[in-house]
PDB file of N, CA and C in Angstrom:
ATOM      1  N   MET A   1     -40.060 -44.972  38.980  1.00  0.00           N
ATOM      2  CA  MET A   1     -39.767 -44.085  37.860  1.00  0.00           C
ATOM      3  C   MET A   1     -38.415 -44.423  37.240  1.00  0.00           C
ATOM      4  N   ILE A   2     -37.379 -44.494  38.059  1.00  0.00           N
ATOM      5  CA  ILE A   2     -36.029 -44.795  37.576  1.00  0.00           C
ATOM      6  C   ILE A   2     -35.988 -46.213  37.004  1.00  0.00           C
ATOM      7  N   ARG A   3     -36.670 -47.136  37.687  1.00  0.00           N
ATOM      8  CA  ARG A   3     -36.671 -48.525  37.226  1.00  0.00           C
ATOM      9  C   ARG A   3     -37.289 -48.640  35.836  1.00  0.00           C
ATOM     10  N   SER A   4     -38.396 -47.979  35.586  1.00  0.00           N
ATOM     11  CA  SER A   4     -39.037 -48.057  34.271  1.00  0.00           C
ATOM     12  C   SER A   4     -38.191 -47.357  33.211  1.00  0.00           C
ATOM     13  N   LEU A   5     -37.500 -46.297  33.596  1.00  0.00           N
ATOM     14  CA  LEU A   5     -36.615 -45.603  32.652  1.00  0.00           C
ATOM     15  C   LEU A   5     -35.442 -46.494  32.257  1.00  0.00           C
ATOM     16  N   VAL A   6     -34.837 -47.145  33.240  1.00  0.00           N
ATOM     17  CA  VAL A   6     -33.720 -48.050  32.959  1.00  0.00           C
ATOM     18  C   VAL A   6     -34.197 -49.247  32.142  1.00  0.00           C
ATOM     19  N   LEU A   7     -35.313 -49.814  32.507  1.00  0.00           N
ATOM     20  CA  LEU A   7     -35.866 -50.954  31.774  1.00  0.00           C
ATOM     21  C   LEU A   7     -36.183 -50.569  30.335  1.00  0.00           C
ATOM     22  N   GLY A   8     -36.792 -49.419  30.120  1.00  0.00           N
ATOM     23  CA  GLY A   8     -37.095 -48.954  28.763  1.00  0.00           C
ATOM     24  C   GLY A   8     -35.839 -48.707  27.950  1.00  0.00           C
ATOM     25  N   THR A   9     -34.820 -48.152  28.587  1.00  0.00           N
ATOM     26  CA  THR A   9     -33.554 -47.900  27.900  1.00  0.00           C
ATOM     27  C   THR A   9     -32.888 -49.204  27.483  1.00  0.00           C
ATOM     28  N   VAL A  10     -32.839 -50.167  28.401  1.00  0.00           N
ATOM     29  CA  VAL A  10     -32.216 -51.459  28.100  1.00  0.00           C
ATOM     30  C   VAL A  10     -32.994 -52.193  27.018  1.00  0.00           C
ATOM     31  N   LEU A  11     -34.300 -52.238  27.137  1.00  0.00           N
ATOM     32  CA  LEU A  11     -35.113 -52.925  26.131  1.00  0.00           C
ATOM     33  C   LEU A  11     -35.043 -52.221  24.772  1.00  0.00           C
ATOM     34  N   GLY A  12     -35.051 -50.908  24.783  1.00  0.00           N
ATOM     35  CA  GLY A  12     -34.926 -50.166  23.523  1.00  0.00           C
ATOM     36  C   GLY A  12     -33.586 -50.414  22.848  1.00  0.00           C
ATOM     37  N   GLY A  13     -32.516 -50.443  23.642  1.00  0.00           N
ATOM     38  CA  GLY A  13     -31.198 -50.751  23.092  1.00  0.00           C
ATOM     39  C   GLY A  13     -31.124 -52.157  22.539  1.00  0.00           C
ATOM     40  N   LEU A  14     -31.734 -53.099  23.223  1.00  0.00           N
ATOM     41  CA  LEU A  14     -31.761 -54.481  22.762  1.00  0.00           C
ATOM     42  C   LEU A  14     -32.538 -54.621  21.459  1.00  0.00           C
ATOM     43  N   VAL A  15     -33.681 -53.986  21.366  1.00  0.00           N
ATOM     44  CA  VAL A  15     -34.474 -54.028  20.134  1.00  0.00           C
ATOM     45  C   VAL A  15     -33.710 -53.381  18.976  1.00  0.00           C
ATOM     46  N   ALA A  16     -33.070 -52.242  19.233  1.00  0.00           N
ATOM     47  CA  ALA A  16     -32.291 -51.582  18.178  1.00  0.00           C
ATOM     48  C   ALA A  16     -31.139 -52.472  17.719  1.00  0.00           C
ATOM     49  N   PHE A  17     -30.455 -53.128  18.647  1.00  0.00           N
ATOM     50  CA  PHE A  17     -29.358 -54.023  18.290  1.00  0.00           C
ATOM     51  C   PHE A  17     -29.857 -55.210  17.472  1.00  0.00           C
ATOM     52  N   LEU A  18     -30.951 -55.826  17.910  1.00  0.00           N
ATOM     53  CA  LEU A  18     -31.491 -56.981  17.190  1.00  0.00           C
ATOM     54  C   LEU A  18     -31.951 -56.596  15.783  1.00  0.00           C
ATOM     55  N   TRP A  19     -32.655 -55.464  15.659  1.00  0.00           N
ATOM     56  CA  TRP A  19     -33.108 -55.045  14.338  1.00  0.00           C
ATOM     57  C   TRP A  19     -31.928 -54.732  13.427  1.00  0.00           C
ATOM     58  N   SER A  20     -30.915 -54.077  13.957  1.00  0.00           N
ATOM     59  CA  SER A  20     -29.728 -53.770  13.164  1.00  0.00           C
ATOM     60  C   SER A  20     -29.060 -55.057  12.689  1.00  0.00           C
ATOM     61  N   SER A  21     -28.954 -56.041  13.565  1.00  0.00           N
ATOM     62  CA  SER A  21     -28.360 -57.322  13.187  1.00  0.00           C
ATOM     63  C   SER A  21     -29.152 -58.008  12.096  1.00  0.00           C
ATOM     64  N   VAL A  22     -30.462 -58.043  12.249  1.00  0.00           N
ATOM     65  CA  VAL A  22     -31.314 -58.691  11.243  1.00  0.00           C
ATOM     66  C   VAL A  22     -31.243 -57.950   9.916  1.00  0.00           C
ATOM     67  N   SER A  23     -31.346 -56.623   9.945  1.00  0.00           N
ATOM     68  CA  SER A  23     -31.391 -55.871   8.689  1.00  0.00           C
ATOM     69  C   SER A  23     -30.064 -55.913   7.941  1.00  0.00           C
ATOM     70  N   TRP A  24     -28.934 -55.938   8.645  1.00  0.00           N
ATOM     71  CA  TRP A  24     -27.630 -55.962   7.974  1.00  0.00           C
ATOM     72  C   TRP A  24     -27.188 -57.377   7.628  1.00  0.00           C
ATOM     73  N   GLU A  25     -27.377 -58.333   8.516  1.00  0.00           N
ATOM     74  CA  GLU A  25     -26.820 -59.669   8.304  1.00  0.00           C
ATOM     75  C   GLU A  25     -27.761 -60.632   7.593  1.00  0.00           C
ATOM     76  N   LEU A  26     -29.036 -60.597   7.884  1.00  0.00           N
ATOM     77  CA  LEU A  26     -29.957 -61.563   7.293  1.00  0.00           C
ATOM     78  C   LEU A  26     -30.645 -61.045   6.040  1.00  0.00           C
ATOM     79  N   ILE A  27     -31.168 -59.836   6.096  1.00  0.00           N
ATOM     80  CA  ILE A  27     -31.890 -59.285   4.943  1.00  0.00           C
ATOM     81  C   ILE A  27     -30.920 -58.811   3.877  1.00  0.00           C
ATOM     82  N   GLY A  28     -29.871 -58.089   4.264  1.00  0.00           N
ATOM     83  CA  GLY A  28     -28.848 -57.650   3.324  1.00  0.00           C
ATOM     84  C   GLY A  28     -29.282 -56.563   2.363  1.00  0.00           C
ATOM     85  N   TRP A  29     -30.322 -55.812   2.691  1.00  0.00           N
ATOM     86  CA  TRP A  29     -30.823 -54.800   1.755  1.00  0.00           C
ATOM     87  C   TRP A  29     -29.901 -53.591   1.652  1.00  0.00           C
ATOM     88  N   HIS A  30     -29.019 -53.380   2.608  1.00  0.00           N
ATOM     89  CA  HIS A  30     -28.103 -52.256   2.570  1.00  0.00           C
ATOM     90  C   HIS A  30     -27.066 -52.424   1.460  1.00  0.00           C
ATOM     91  N   GLU A  31     -26.713 -53.670   1.171  1.00  0.00           N
ATOM     92  CA  GLU A  31     -25.734 -53.937   0.117  1.00  0.00           C
ATOM     93  C   GLU A  31     -26.286 -53.605  -1.266  1.00  0.00           C
ATOM     94  N   LYS A  32     -27.575 -53.644  -1.437  1.00  0.00           N
ATOM     95  CA  LYS A  32     -28.185 -53.359  -2.741  1.00  0.00           C
ATOM     96  C   LYS A  32     -28.064 -51.893  -3.121  1.00  0.00           C
ATOM     97  N   THR A  33     -27.856 -51.020  -2.149  1.00  0.00           N
ATOM     98  CA  THR A  33     -27.726 -49.596  -2.451  1.00  0.00           C
ATOM     99  C   THR A  33     -26.285 -49.189  -2.729  1.00  0.00           C
ATOM    100  N   MET A  34     -25.334 -50.093  -2.538  1.00  0.00           N
ATOM    101  CA  MET A  34     -23.924 -49.798  -2.785  1.00  0.00           C
ATOM    102  C   MET A  34     -23.629 -49.985  -4.273  1.00  0.00           C
ATOM    103  N   LEU A  35     -23.062 -48.963  -4.890  1.00  0.00           N
ATOM    104  CA  LEU A  35     -22.722 -49.014  -6.305  1.00  0.00           C
ATOM    105  C   LEU A  35     -21.211 -49.000  -6.467  1.00  0.00           C
ATOM    106  N   THR A  36     -20.743 -49.423  -7.637  1.00  0.00           N
ATOM    107  CA  THR A  36     -19.309 -49.403  -7.917  1.00  0.00           C
ATOM    108  C   THR A  36     -19.043 -48.560  -9.157  1.00  0.00           C
ATOM    109  N   PHE A  37     -17.809 -48.089  -9.270  1.00  0.00           N
ATOM    110  CA  PHE A  37     -17.410 -47.335 -10.452  1.00  0.00           C
ATOM    111  C   PHE A  37     -17.137 -48.300 -11.602  1.00  0.00           C
ATOM    112  N   GLN A  38     -17.213 -47.797 -12.830  1.00  0.00           N
ATOM    113  CA  GLN A  38     -16.992 -48.650 -13.997  1.00  0.00           C
ATOM    114  C   GLN A  38     -15.557 -49.166 -14.060  1.00  0.00           C
ATOM    115  N   ASN A  39     -14.584 -48.322 -13.783  1.00  0.00           N
ATOM    116  CA  ASN A  39     -13.198 -48.752 -13.804  1.00  0.00           C
ATOM    117  C   ASN A  39     -12.558 -48.369 -12.472  1.00  0.00           C
ATOM    118  N   GLU A  40     -12.670 -49.261 -11.510  1.00  0.00           N
ATOM    119  CA  GLU A  40     -12.214 -48.969 -10.146  1.00  0.00           C
ATOM    120  C   GLU A  40     -10.728 -48.665 -10.079  1.00  0.00           C
ATOM    121  N   ASP A  41      -9.928 -49.323 -10.897  1.00  0.00           N
ATOM    122  CA  ASP A  41      -8.482 -49.095 -10.845  1.00  0.00           C
ATOM    123  C   ASP A  41      -8.136 -47.664 -11.244  1.00  0.00           C
ATOM    124  N   ASP A  42      -8.772 -47.146 -12.288  1.00  0.00           N
ATOM    125  CA  ASP A  42      -8.524 -45.766 -12.706  1.00  0.00           C
ATOM    126  C   ASP A  42      -8.999 -44.767 -11.658  1.00  0.00           C
ATOM    127  N   VAL A  43     -10.201 -44.986 -11.138  1.00  0.00           N
ATOM    128  CA  VAL A  43     -10.750 -44.080 -10.120  1.00  0.00           C
ATOM    129  C   VAL A  43      -9.867 -44.107  -8.877  1.00  0.00           C
ATOM    130  N   SER A  44      -9.443 -45.285  -8.461  1.00  0.00           N
ATOM    131  CA  SER A  44      -8.586 -45.414  -7.290  1.00  0.00           C
ATOM    132  C   SER A  44      -7.256 -44.686  -7.488  1.00  0.00           C
ATOM    133  N   ALA A  45      -6.657 -44.820  -8.671  1.00  0.00           N
ATOM    134  CA  ALA A  45      -5.384 -44.148  -8.945  1.00  0.00           C
ATOM    135  C   ALA A  45      -5.545 -42.631  -8.930  1.00  0.00           C
ATOM    136  N   ILE A  46      -6.631 -42.132  -9.501  1.00  0.00           N
ATOM    137  CA  ILE A  46      -6.868 -40.684  -9.530  1.00  0.00           C
ATOM    138  C   ILE A  46      -7.110 -40.148  -8.125  1.00  0.00           C
ATOM    139  N   VAL A  47      -7.933 -40.851  -7.343  1.00  0.00           N
ATOM    140  CA  VAL A  47      -8.216 -40.402  -5.978  1.00  0.00           C
ATOM    141  C   VAL A  47      -6.927 -40.407  -5.158  1.00  0.00           C
ATOM    142  N   ALA A  48      -6.156 -41.475  -5.248  1.00  0.00           N
ATOM    143  CA  ALA A  48      -4.914 -41.575  -4.471  1.00  0.00           C
ATOM    144  C   ALA A  48      -3.924 -40.482  -4.844  1.00  0.00           C
ATOM    145  N   SER A  49      -3.890 -40.097  -6.114  1.00  0.00           N
ATOM    146  CA  SER A  49      -2.923 -39.087  -6.535  1.00  0.00           C
ATOM    147  C   SER A  49      -3.355 -37.666  -6.175  1.00  0.00           C
ATOM    148  N   HIS A  50      -4.612 -37.469  -5.796  1.00  0.00           N
ATOM    149  CA  HIS A  50      -5.107 -36.127  -5.504  1.00  0.00           C
ATOM    150  C   HIS A  50      -5.494 -35.906  -4.040  1.00  0.00           C
ATOM    151  N   MET A  51      -5.347 -36.907  -3.191  1.00  0.00           N
ATOM    152  CA  MET A  51      -5.713 -36.737  -1.793  1.00  0.00           C
ATOM    153  C   MET A  51      -4.492 -36.403  -0.961  1.00  0.00           C
ATOM    154  N   LYS A  52      -4.702 -35.602   0.082  1.00  0.00           N
ATOM    155  CA  LYS A  52      -3.617 -35.199   0.966  1.00  0.00           C
ATOM    156  C   LYS A  52      -3.418 -36.208   2.097  1.00  0.00           C
ATOM    157  N   GLN A  53      -4.524 -36.692   2.642  1.00  0.00           N
ATOM    158  CA  GLN A  53      -4.483 -37.601   3.789  1.00  0.00           C
ATOM    159  C   GLN A  53      -5.806 -38.339   3.884  1.00  0.00           C
ATOM    160  N   SER A  54      -5.860 -39.343   4.727  1.00  0.00           N
ATOM    161  CA  SER A  54      -7.108 -40.050   4.965  1.00  0.00           C
ATOM    162  C   SER A  54      -8.102 -39.095   5.610  1.00  0.00           C
ATOM    163  N   GLY A  55      -9.361 -39.216   5.240  1.00  0.00           N
ATOM    164  CA  GLY A  55     -10.379 -38.352   5.828  1.00  0.00           C
ATOM    165  C   GLY A  55     -11.660 -38.366   5.027  1.00  0.00           C
ATOM    166  N   THR A  56     -12.532 -37.422   5.325  1.00  0.00           N
ATOM    167  CA  THR A  56     -13.804 -37.268   4.646  1.00  0.00           C
ATOM    168  C   THR A  56     -13.686 -36.134   3.642  1.00  0.00           C
ATOM    169  N   TYR A  57     -14.042 -36.408   2.404  1.00  0.00           N
ATOM    170  CA  TYR A  57     -13.892 -35.440   1.329  1.00  0.00           C
ATOM    171  C   TYR A  57     -15.249 -35.094   0.730  1.00  0.00           C
ATOM    172  N   LEU A  58     -15.360 -33.864   0.269  1.00  0.00           N
ATOM    173  CA  LEU A  58     -16.566 -33.376  -0.387  1.00  0.00           C
ATOM    174  C   LEU A  58     -16.173 -32.821  -1.745  1.00  0.00           C
ATOM    175  N   LEU A  59     -16.890 -33.229  -2.776  1.00  0.00           N
ATOM    176  CA  LEU A  59     -16.661 -32.738  -4.130  1.00  0.00           C
ATOM    177  C   LEU A  59     -17.977 -32.193  -4.663  1.00  0.00           C
ATOM    178  N   PRO A  60     -18.082 -30.981  -5.094  1.00  0.00           N
ATOM    179  CA  PRO A  60     -17.011 -29.993  -5.120  1.00  0.00           C
ATOM    180  C   PRO A  60     -16.782 -29.419  -3.732  1.00  0.00           C
ATOM    181  N   GLY A  61     -15.526 -29.174  -3.427  1.00  0.00           N
ATOM    182  CA  GLY A  61     -15.159 -28.597  -2.141  1.00  0.00           C
ATOM    183  C   GLY A  61     -15.048 -27.092  -2.275  1.00  0.00           C
ATOM    184  N   GLY A  62     -15.438 -26.381  -1.266  1.00  0.00           N
ATOM    185  CA  GLY A  62     -15.364 -24.928  -1.287  1.00  0.00           C
ATOM    186  C   GLY A  62     -13.950 -24.434  -1.034  1.00  0.00           C
ATOM    187  N   PRO A  63     -13.619 -23.267  -1.523  1.00  0.00           N
ATOM    188  CA  PRO A  63     -12.297 -22.709  -1.279  1.00  0.00           C
ATOM    189  C   PRO A  63     -12.170 -22.272   0.176  1.00  0.00           C
ATOM    190  N   PRO A  64     -10.944 -22.141   0.671  1.00  0.00           N
ATOM    191  CA  PRO A  64     -10.778 -21.637   2.039  1.00  0.00           C
ATOM    192  C   PRO A  64     -11.412 -20.256   2.175  1.00  0.00           C
ATOM    193  N   GLN A  65     -12.122 -20.028   3.247  1.00  0.00           N
ATOM    194  CA  GLN A  65     -12.837 -18.768   3.444  1.00  0.00           C
ATOM    195  C   GLN A  65     -12.017 -17.734   4.203  1.00  0.00           C
ATOM    196  N   GLU A  66     -10.848 -18.127   4.749  1.00  0.00           N
ATOM    197  CA  GLU A  66     -10.040 -17.189   5.519  1.00  0.00           C
ATOM    198  C   GLU A  66      -9.424 -16.142   4.591  1.00  0.00           C
ATOM    199  N   GLY A  67      -9.453 -14.912   5.025  1.00  0.00           N
ATOM    200  CA  GLY A  67      -8.791 -13.847   4.289  1.00  0.00           C
ATOM    201  C   GLY A  67      -9.547 -13.327   3.085  1.00  0.00           C
ATOM    202  N   LEU A  68     -10.769 -13.767   2.873  1.00  0.00           N
ATOM    203  CA  LEU A  68     -11.549 -13.283   1.737  1.00  0.00           C
ATOM    204  C   LEU A  68     -12.465 -12.147   2.178  1.00  0.00           C
ATOM    205  N   SER A  69     -12.639 -11.200   1.298  1.00  0.00           N
ATOM    206  CA  SER A  69     -13.581 -10.120   1.571  1.00  0.00           C
ATOM    207  C   SER A  69     -14.999 -10.657   1.417  1.00  0.00           C
ATOM    208  N   PRO A  70     -16.003  -9.957   1.919  1.00  0.00           N
ATOM    209  CA  PRO A  70     -17.387 -10.415   1.755  1.00  0.00           C
ATOM    210  C   PRO A  70     -17.773 -10.610   0.285  1.00  0.00           C
ATOM    211  N   GLU A  71     -17.277  -9.755  -0.604  1.00  0.00           N
ATOM    212  CA  GLU A  71     -17.591  -9.899  -2.026  1.00  0.00           C
ATOM    213  C   GLU A  71     -16.943 -11.160  -2.603  1.00  0.00           C
ATOM    214  N   GLN A  72     -15.688 -11.433  -2.177  1.00  0.00           N
ATOM    215  CA  GLN A  72     -14.992 -12.626  -2.650  1.00  0.00           C
ATOM    216  C   GLN A  72     -15.663 -13.893  -2.125  1.00  0.00           C
ATOM    217  N   LYS A  73     -16.117 -13.852  -0.881  1.00  0.00           N
ATOM    218  CA  LYS A  73     -16.827 -15.000  -0.316  1.00  0.00           C
ATOM    219  C   LYS A  73     -18.120 -15.271  -1.086  1.00  0.00           C
ATOM    220  N   LYS A  74     -18.827 -14.203  -1.425  1.00  0.00           N
ATOM    221  CA  LYS A  74     -20.079 -14.353  -2.166  1.00  0.00           C
ATOM    222  C   LYS A  74     -19.815 -14.922  -3.555  1.00  0.00           C
ATOM    223  N   ALA A  75     -18.755 -14.437  -4.217  1.00  0.00           N
ATOM    224  CA  ALA A  75     -18.400 -14.948  -5.541  1.00  0.00           C
ATOM    225  C   ALA A  75     -17.989 -16.424  -5.467  1.00  0.00           C
ATOM    226  N   ALA A  76     -17.203 -16.781  -4.439  1.00  0.00           N
ATOM    227  CA  ALA A  76     -16.775 -18.166  -4.269  1.00  0.00           C
ATOM    228  C   ALA A  76     -17.979 -19.070  -3.996  1.00  0.00           C
ATOM    229  N   GLN A  77     -18.914 -18.589  -3.209  1.00  0.00           N
ATOM    230  CA  GLN A  77     -20.133 -19.356  -2.915  1.00  0.00           C
ATOM    231  C   GLN A  77     -20.960 -19.557  -4.181  1.00  0.00           C
ATOM    232  N   SER A  78     -21.012 -18.551  -5.020  1.00  0.00           N
ATOM    233  CA  SER A  78     -21.749 -18.648  -6.278  1.00  0.00           C
ATOM    234  C   SER A  78     -21.124 -19.700  -7.196  1.00  0.00           C
ATOM    235  N   VAL A  79     -19.798 -19.693  -7.286  1.00  0.00           N
ATOM    236  CA  VAL A  79     -19.103 -20.693  -8.109  1.00  0.00           C
ATOM    237  C   VAL A  79     -19.351 -22.093  -7.555  1.00  0.00           C
ATOM    238  N   LEU A  80     -19.290 -22.238  -6.233  1.00  0.00           N
ATOM    239  CA  LEU A  80     -19.534 -23.527  -5.606  1.00  0.00           C
ATOM    240  C   LEU A  80     -20.948 -24.025  -5.904  1.00  0.00           C
ATOM    241  N   MET A  81     -21.933 -23.160  -5.816  1.00  0.00           N
ATOM    242  CA  MET A  81     -23.316 -23.563  -6.100  1.00  0.00           C
ATOM    243  C   MET A  81     -23.494 -23.986  -7.552  1.00  0.00           C
ATOM    244  N   GLU A  82     -22.828 -23.296  -8.473  1.00  0.00           N
ATOM    245  CA  GLU A  82     -22.892 -23.686  -9.890  1.00  0.00           C
ATOM    246  C   GLU A  82     -22.312 -25.084 -10.088  1.00  0.00           C
ATOM    247  N   LYS A  83     -21.169 -25.352  -9.447  1.00  0.00           N
ATOM    248  CA  LYS A  83     -20.549 -26.669  -9.558  1.00  0.00           C
ATOM    249  C   LYS A  83     -21.449 -27.751  -8.967  1.00  0.00           C
ATOM    250  N   MET A  84     -22.101 -27.438  -7.844  1.00  0.00           N
ATOM    251  CA  MET A  84     -22.975 -28.430  -7.215  1.00  0.00           C
ATOM    252  C   MET A  84     -24.200 -28.723  -8.076  1.00  0.00           C
ATOM    253  N   GLN A  85     -24.724 -27.710  -8.740  1.00  0.00           N
ATOM    254  CA  GLN A  85     -25.879 -27.927  -9.604  1.00  0.00           C
ATOM    255  C   GLN A  85     -25.488 -28.688 -10.863  1.00  0.00           C
ATOM    256  N   LYS A  86     -24.278 -28.454 -11.349  1.00  0.00           N
ATOM    257  CA  LYS A  86     -23.789 -29.128 -12.560  1.00  0.00           C
ATOM    258  C   LYS A  86     -23.465 -30.588 -12.271  1.00  0.00           C
ATOM    259  N   GLY A  87     -22.824 -30.847 -11.097  1.00  0.00           N
ATOM    260  CA  GLY A  87     -22.460 -32.200 -10.732  1.00  0.00           C
ATOM    261  C   GLY A  87     -21.145 -32.621 -11.354  1.00  0.00           C
ATOM    262  N   PRO A  88     -20.629 -33.734 -11.004  1.00  0.00           N
ATOM    263  CA  PRO A  88     -21.104 -34.642  -9.964  1.00  0.00           C
ATOM    264  C   PRO A  88     -20.817 -34.110  -8.565  1.00  0.00           C
ATOM    265  N   VAL A  89     -21.571 -34.621  -7.602  1.00  0.00           N
ATOM    266  CA  VAL A  89     -21.390 -34.276  -6.201  1.00  0.00           C
ATOM    267  C   VAL A  89     -21.028 -35.573  -5.480  1.00  0.00           C
ATOM    268  N   MET A  90     -20.006 -35.508  -4.635  1.00  0.00           N
ATOM    269  CA  MET A  90     -19.567 -36.718  -3.951  1.00  0.00           C
ATOM    270  C   MET A  90     -19.209 -36.400  -2.508  1.00  0.00           C
ATOM    271  N   PHE A  91     -19.606 -37.275  -1.625  1.00  0.00           N
ATOM    272  CA  PHE A  91     -19.244 -37.246  -0.208  1.00  0.00           C
ATOM    273  C   PHE A  91     -18.577 -38.581   0.054  1.00  0.00           C
ATOM    274  N   ALA A  92     -17.281 -38.582   0.375  1.00  0.00           N
ATOM    275  CA  ALA A  92     -16.551 -39.843   0.472  1.00  0.00           C
ATOM    276  C   ALA A  92     -15.656 -39.885   1.701  1.00  0.00           C
ATOM    277  N   ALA A  93     -15.640 -41.038   2.349  1.00  0.00           N
ATOM    278  CA  ALA A  93     -14.683 -41.313   3.422  1.00  0.00           C
ATOM    279  C   ALA A  93     -13.570 -42.133   2.797  1.00  0.00           C
ATOM    280  N   ILE A  94     -12.354 -41.585   2.787  1.00  0.00           N
ATOM    281  CA  ILE A  94     -11.247 -42.224   2.078  1.00  0.00           C
ATOM    282  C   ILE A  94     -10.128 -42.559   3.063  1.00  0.00           C
ATOM    283  N   ARG A  95      -9.616 -43.762   2.947  1.00  0.00           N
ATOM    284  CA  ARG A  95      -8.503 -44.220   3.783  1.00  0.00           C
ATOM    285  C   ARG A  95      -7.348 -44.579   2.856  1.00  0.00           C
ATOM    286  N   GLN A  96      -6.195 -43.976   3.068  1.00  0.00           N
ATOM    287  CA  GLN A  96      -5.060 -44.185   2.182  1.00  0.00           C
ATOM    288  C   GLN A  96      -4.541 -45.623   2.190  1.00  0.00           C
ATOM    289  N   GLY A  97      -4.345 -46.191   3.355  1.00  0.00           N
ATOM    290  CA  GLY A  97      -3.666 -47.474   3.446  1.00  0.00           C
ATOM    291  C   GLY A  97      -4.523 -48.698   3.228  1.00  0.00           C
ATOM    292  N   GLY A  98      -5.814 -48.563   3.172  1.00  0.00           N
ATOM    293  CA  GLY A  98      -6.678 -49.728   3.046  1.00  0.00           C
ATOM    294  C   GLY A  98      -6.882 -50.403   4.402  1.00  0.00           C
ATOM    295  N   PHE A  99      -7.505 -51.588   4.391  1.00  0.00           N
ATOM    296  CA  PHE A  99      -7.785 -52.328   5.602  1.00  0.00           C
ATOM    297  C   PHE A  99      -6.978 -53.612   5.588  1.00  0.00           C
ATOM    298  N   GLY A 100      -6.681 -54.129   6.767  1.00  0.00           N
ATOM    299  CA  GLY A 100      -5.911 -55.352   6.878  1.00  0.00           C
ATOM    300  C   GLY A 100      -6.704 -56.576   6.479  1.00  0.00           C
ATOM    301  N   SER A 101      -7.921 -56.731   7.021  1.00  0.00           N
ATOM    302  CA  SER A 101      -8.722 -57.912   6.705  1.00  0.00           C
ATOM    303  C   SER A 101     -10.187 -57.621   7.024  1.00  0.00           C
ATOM    304  N   PHE A 102     -11.043 -58.434   6.463  1.00  0.00           N
ATOM    305  CA  PHE A 102     -12.467 -58.369   6.728  1.00  0.00           C
ATOM    306  C   PHE A 102     -12.899 -59.725   7.294  1.00  0.00           C
ATOM    307  N   THR A 103     -13.856 -59.724   8.195  1.00  0.00           N
ATOM    308  CA  THR A 103     -14.310 -60.977   8.779  1.00  0.00           C
ATOM    309  C   THR A 103     -15.357 -61.655   7.919  1.00  0.00           C
ATOM    310  N   ARG A 104     -16.018 -60.900   7.054  1.00  0.00           N
ATOM    311  CA  ARG A 104     -17.097 -61.450   6.244  1.00  0.00           C
ATOM    312  C   ARG A 104     -16.641 -61.523   4.799  1.00  0.00           C
ATOM    313  N   ALA A 105     -16.850 -62.680   4.173  1.00  0.00           N
ATOM    314  CA  ALA A 105     -16.416 -62.865   2.784  1.00  0.00           C
ATOM    315  C   ALA A 105     -17.482 -62.463   1.820  1.00  0.00           C
TER     316      ALA A 105
END
């Protein structure tokens, strides 16, 4: 029982690793879904001037919920939903300093 469980785990991990390698390195279909902004320099300057620290950001972001009454929370949630329906909506991982180097050109 334990032997088949370990064997299945190892083989499953190996298959997942091989498929991930093939799909990212050989097929390259993940790169086709990556889009760029029209003017990256402007977008980069705006993002850098409005971020507090490196991290994951959500736009539109909800207001802090601490200290709000139930009515205020409901009103804030309503405003947030309107903004989300209007758009744009963005989920971004942002790093202030950039990266040192990449291994793939």
